[in-house]
C-alpha atoms as a PDB file:
ATOM      1  CA  MET A   1       0.094   0.160   0.157  1.00  0.00           C
ATOM      2  CA  LYS A   2       3.136   2.150   0.942  1.00  0.00           C
ATOM      3  CA  ASN A   3       4.228   1.937  -2.491  1.00  0.00           C
ATOM      4  CA  ILE A   4       1.279   2.706  -4.774  1.00  0.00           C
ATOM      5  CA  THR A   5       0.597   5.987  -2.261  1.00  0.00           C
ATOM      6  CA  THR A   6       4.163   7.131  -2.908  1.00  0.00           C
ATOM      7  CA  LEU A   7       3.289   6.188  -6.806  1.00  0.00           C
ATOM      8  CA  LEU A   8       0.172   8.306  -6.943  1.00  0.00           C
ATOM      9  CA  ILE A   9       1.798  11.372  -5.246  1.00  0.00           C
ATOM     10  CA  ALA A  10       4.459  10.896  -7.563  1.00  0.00           C
ATOM     11  CA  LEU A  11       2.290  11.020 -10.594  1.00  0.00           C
ATOM     12  CA  PHE A  12       0.698  14.163  -9.215  1.00  0.00           C
ATOM     13  CA  LEU A  13       3.389  15.921  -8.813  1.00  0.00           C
ATOM     14  CA  ALA A  14       4.647  14.827 -12.233  1.00  0.00           C
ATOM     15  CA  ASN A  15       0.774  16.185 -13.361  1.00  0.00           C
ATOM     16  CA  SER A  16       1.652  19.446 -11.304  1.00  0.00           C
ATOM     17  CA  LEU A  17       4.204  19.971 -13.434  1.00  0.00           C
ATOM     18  CA  PHE A  18       2.658  19.676 -16.778  1.00  0.00           C
ATOM     19  CA  ALA A  19       0.187  21.162 -15.975  1.00  0.00           C
ATOM     20  CA  GLU A  20       2.107  24.355 -14.841  1.00  0.00           C
ATOM     21  CA  GLN A  21       4.205  24.273 -18.287  1.00  0.00           C
ATOM     22  CA  GLU A  22       1.270  24.057 -20.416  1.00  0.00           C
ATOM     23  CA  THR A  23       2.804  26.911 -22.692  1.00  0.00           C
ATOM     24  CA  CYS A  24       6.678  27.683 -23.398  1.00  0.00           C
ATOM     25  CA  ALA A  25       7.802  29.878 -20.903  1.00  0.00           C
ATOM     26  CA  LEU A  26      10.048  31.486 -23.912  1.00  0.00           C
ATOM     27  CA  MET A  27       8.066  31.695 -27.273  1.00  0.00           C
ATOM     28  CA  ALA A  28       5.208  32.766 -25.820  1.00  0.00           C
ATOM     29  CA  GLY A  29       1.743  30.641 -26.721  1.00  0.00           C
ATOM     30  CA  ASP A  30       3.382  27.357 -28.411  1.00  0.00           C
ATOM     31  CA  GLU A  31       2.719  24.451 -26.387  1.00  0.00           C
ATOM     32  CA  ILE A  32       5.330  22.884 -24.726  1.00  0.00           C
ATOM     33  CA  ASP A  33       6.949  19.702 -26.218  1.00  0.00           C
ATOM     34  CA  THR A  34       7.294  16.697 -23.302  1.00  0.00           C
ATOM     35  CA  GLU A  35      10.682  15.312 -25.249  1.00  0.00           C
ATOM     36  CA  GLU A  36      12.210  18.790 -25.051  1.00  0.00           C
ATOM     37  CA  PHE A  37      13.029  19.445 -21.564  1.00  0.00           C
ATOM     38  CA  SER A  38      16.308  21.001 -19.563  1.00  0.00           C
ATOM     39  CA  GLU A  39      16.453  19.029 -15.635  1.00  0.00           C
ATOM     40  CA  VAL A  40      17.711  21.789 -13.633  1.00  0.00           C
ATOM     41  CA  LEU A  41      18.554  20.762  -9.540  1.00  0.00           C
ATOM     42  CA  GLY A  42      17.025  17.562 -10.538  1.00  0.00           C
ATOM     43  CA  LYS A  43      13.669  19.090 -12.212  1.00  0.00           C
ATOM     44  CA  LYS A  44      12.316  18.885 -15.609  1.00  0.00           C
ATOM     45  CA  VAL A  45      11.688  22.131 -17.147  1.00  0.00           C
ATOM     46  CA  TYR A  46       9.659  22.386 -20.206  1.00  0.00           C
ATOM     47  CA  PHE A  47       9.566  23.391 -23.579  1.00  0.00           C
ATOM     48  CA  CYS A  48       8.469  23.308 -27.257  1.00  0.00           C
ATOM     49  CA  CYS A  49      11.435  23.302 -29.318  1.00  0.00           C
ATOM     50  CA  GLY A  50      15.066  22.444 -28.981  1.00  0.00           C
ATOM     51  CA  SER A  51      16.009  26.162 -29.704  1.00  0.00           C
ATOM     52  CA  CYS A  52      13.924  26.980 -26.519  1.00  0.00           C
ATOM     53  CA  VAL A  53      15.863  24.668 -24.459  1.00  0.00           C
ATOM     54  CA  LYS A  54      19.603  25.322 -26.057  1.00  0.00           C
ATOM     55  CA  ALA A  55      18.415  29.272 -25.781  1.00  0.00           C
ATOM     56  CA  PHE A  56      17.411  28.693 -21.582  1.00  0.00           C
ATOM     57  CA  ASP A  57      20.422  26.409 -20.933  1.00  0.00           C
ATOM     58  CA  SER A  58      22.884  29.238 -22.382  1.00  0.00           C
ATOM     59  CA  ASN A  59      21.364  31.411 -19.088  1.00  0.00           C
ATOM     60  CA  GLN A  60      19.232  29.761 -16.634  1.00  0.00           C
ATOM     61  CA  ALA A  61      19.194  31.962 -14.179  1.00  0.00           C
ATOM     62  CA  TYR A  62      18.200  34.887 -16.108  1.00  0.00           C
ATOM     63  CA  TYR A  63      15.437  32.920 -17.456  1.00  0.00           C
ATOM     64  CA  LEU A  64      14.124  32.309 -14.269  1.00  0.00           C
ATOM     65  CA  LYS A  65      14.379  35.627 -12.465  1.00  0.00           C
ATOM     66  CA  ALA A  66      12.984  37.101 -16.057  1.00  0.00           C
ATOM     67  CA  LEU A  67       9.611  34.717 -16.011  1.00  0.00           C
ATOM     68  CA  PRO A  68       8.022  34.599 -13.176  1.00  0.00           C
ATOM     69  CA  VAL A  69       6.402  30.943 -14.506  1.00  0.00           C
ATOM     70  CA  LEU A  70       9.595  29.604 -14.487  1.00  0.00           C
ATOM     71  CA  ALA A  71      10.864  30.659 -11.105  1.00  0.00           C
ATOM     72  CA  LYS A  72       7.471  29.702  -9.428  1.00  0.00           C
ATOM     73  CA  LEU A  73       9.446  26.369 -10.417  1.00  0.00           C
ATOM     74  CA  PHE A  74      12.223  26.356  -7.639  1.00  0.00           C
ATOM     75  CA  SER A  75      12.322  27.254  -4.341  1.00  0.00           C
ATOM     76  CA  SER A  76      14.099  30.809  -3.243  1.00  0.00           C
ATOM     77  CA  ASP A  77      16.934  28.502  -2.124  1.00  0.00           C
ATOM     78  CA  GLU A  78      17.102  26.675  -4.955  1.00  0.00           C
ATOM     79  CA  GLN A  79      17.192  30.045  -7.034  1.00  0.00           C
ATOM     80  CA  LYS A  80      19.524  31.453  -4.457  1.00  0.00           C
ATOM     81  CA  LYS A  81      21.681  27.934  -5.563  1.00  0.00           C
ATOM     82  CA  LEU A  82      21.140  28.840  -9.136  1.00  0.00           C
ATOM     83  CA  GLY A  83      22.744  32.590  -8.552  1.00  0.00           C
ATOM     84  CA  VAL A  84      18.999  34.042  -9.774  1.00  0.00           C
ATOM     85  CA  ASP A  85      20.188  36.513  -7.184  1.00  0.00           C
ATOM     86  CA  LYS A  86      23.073  37.853  -8.489  1.00  0.00           C
ATOM     87  CA  VAL A  87      21.504  38.426 -11.901  1.00  0.00           C
ATOM     88  CA  LYS A  88      20.429  42.036 -13.402  1.00  0.00           C
ATOM     89  CA  LEU A  89      17.600  42.145 -15.993  1.00  0.00           C
ATOM     90  CA  LEU A  90      17.647  43.872 -19.207  1.00  0.00           C
ATOM     91  CA  ASP A  91      15.384  46.432 -19.664  1.00  0.00           C
ATOM     92  CA  GLN A  92      14.981  44.769 -22.935  1.00  0.00           C
ATOM     93  CA  LYS A  93      12.611  41.760 -22.626  1.00  0.00           C
ATOM     94  CA  PHE A  94      11.242  40.517 -26.087  1.00  0.00           C
ATOM     95  CA  CYS A  95      13.397  40.407 -29.585  1.00  0.00           C
ATOM     96  CA  PRO A  96      12.062  42.793 -32.310  1.00  0.00           C
ATOM     97  CA  ILE A  97      11.646  40.731 -34.889  1.00  0.00           C
ATOM     98  CA  TYR A  98      10.481  37.453 -33.153  1.00  0.00           C
ATOM     99  CA  PRO A  99       8.284  39.592 -30.427  1.00  0.00           C
ATOM    100  CA  GLU A 100       6.827  36.469 -28.803  1.00  0.00           C
ATOM    101  CA  ARG A 101      10.607  35.384 -27.652  1.00  0.00           C
ATOM    102  CA  VAL A 102      11.877  36.460 -24.863  1.00  0.00           C
ATOM    103  CA  ILE A 103      15.738  37.072 -25.355  1.00  0.00           C
ATOM    104  CA  ASN A 104      18.576  37.083 -22.297  1.00  0.00           C
ATOM    105  CA  PRO A 105      22.369  38.913 -22.496  1.00  0.00           C
ATOM    106  CA  ASN A 106      23.862  36.208 -24.614  1.00  0.00           C
ATOM    107  CA  SER A 107      21.532  36.479 -26.882  1.00  0.00           C
ATOM    108  CA  LYS A 108      22.433  37.823 -30.805  1.00  0.00           C
ATOM    109  CA  THR A 109      23.130  41.446 -30.997  1.00  0.00           C
ATOM    110  CA  VAL A 110      22.906  44.184 -33.358  1.00  0.00           C
ATOM    111  CA  GLU A 111      23.950  48.159 -32.379  1.00  0.00           C
ATOM    112  CA  TYR A 112      21.652  50.432 -33.828  1.00  0.00           C
ATOM    113  CA  LYS A 113      21.781  54.555 -33.293  1.00  0.00           C
ATOM    114  CA  GLY A 114      24.227  53.889 -30.388  1.00  0.00           C
ATOM    115  CA  LYS A 115      22.233  50.871 -28.281  1.00  0.00           C
ATOM    116  CA  THR A 116      22.364  47.352 -28.388  1.00  0.00           C
ATOM    117  CA  ILE A 117      19.460  45.119 -29.859  1.00  0.00           C
ATOM    118  CA  TYR A 118      19.207  41.391 -28.686  1.00  0.00           C
ATOM    119  CA  LEU A 119      17.440  39.186 -31.192  1.00  0.00           C
ATOM    120  CA  TRP A 120      16.237  35.322 -30.563  1.00  0.00           C
ATOM    121  CA  SER A 121      18.639  34.126 -33.227  1.00  0.00           C
ATOM    122  CA  SER A 122      21.185  34.631 -36.231  1.00  0.00           C
ATOM    123  CA  SER A 123      17.941  34.483 -38.659  1.00  0.00           C
ATOM    124  CA  ALA A 124      16.434  37.339 -36.891  1.00  0.00           C
ATOM    125  CA  GLN A 125      19.484  39.094 -36.971  1.00  0.00           C
ATOM    126  CA  ARG A 126      20.260  38.770 -40.432  1.00  0.00           C
ATOM    127  CA  ARG A 127      16.653  40.495 -40.925  1.00  0.00           C
ATOM    128  CA  TRP A 128      17.404  43.241 -38.853  1.00  0.00           C
ATOM    129  CA  LYS A 129      20.691  43.636 -41.198  1.00  0.00           C
ATOM    130  CA  LYS A 130      18.637  43.634 -44.137  1.00  0.00           C
ATOM    131  CA  ASP A 131      16.017  46.567 -42.916  1.00  0.00           C
ATOM    132  CA  PRO A 132      16.938  47.982 -39.742  1.00  0.00           C
ATOM    133  CA  GLU A 133      14.475  50.817 -40.464  1.00  0.00           C
ATOM    134  CA  LYS A 134      11.169  49.089 -41.163  1.00  0.00           C
ATOM    135  CA  TYR A 135      11.779  46.210 -37.849  1.00  0.00           C
ATOM    136  CA  PHE A 136      12.911  49.606 -35.370  1.00  0.00           C
ATOM    137  CA  LYS A 137       9.849  51.542 -36.111  1.00  0.00           C
ATOM    138  CA  ALA A 138       7.523  48.305 -35.538  1.00  0.00           C
ATOM    139  CA  ALA A 139       9.127  47.463 -32.896  1.00  0.00           C
ATOM    140  CA  MET A 140       9.259  50.388 -31.184  1.00  0.00           C
ATOM    141  CA  ASP A 141       5.476  51.007 -32.324  1.00  0.00           C
ATOM    142  CA  GLN A 142       4.848  47.314 -30.141  1.00  0.00           C
ATOM    143  CA  ASP A 143       6.727  48.746 -27.243  1.00  0.00           C
ATOM    144  CA  LEU A 144       9.661  46.526 -27.447  1.00  0.00           C
ATOM    145  CA  LEU A 145      12.674  48.342 -27.233  1.00  0.00           C
ATOM    146  CA  PRO A 146      12.666  50.291 -24.201  1.00  0.00           C
ATOM    147  CA  GLN A 147      16.279  51.248 -24.186  1.00  0.00           C
ATOM    148  CA  TYR A 148      14.862  54.000 -26.507  1.00  0.00           C
ATOM    149  CA  LYS A 149      13.083  55.138 -24.196  1.00  0.00           C
END
């Protein structure tokens, strides 16, 4: 009976984690894929694709601080162990080319009008470079570049 109870509790906790993570934290609106995850302190953090896993793994502490949906998966002691308390957030949160994607300090960048703009990927960087005025205007219209205020 004890083994069954333990198994039921484990299944409940696993289901609770999936319930908390129905959508990807890094690509807003995309459903998670249970095969795409990063394991942090023995916990699985789920994403929609390998690109999000790679981005998250490049700066876990940053994303935990920037995204409350991820932070709530870890206790304050666990967050401190991961260095979340030492993270300074960027003013910019989203990619101006792919505005549903959350950037981090390790993201690709371009310099524009004397400031750094963070981009999700090299494809976003290429698109920006083809028509920076167009993308700058669109990003400003969407309030995606707070560093220019």
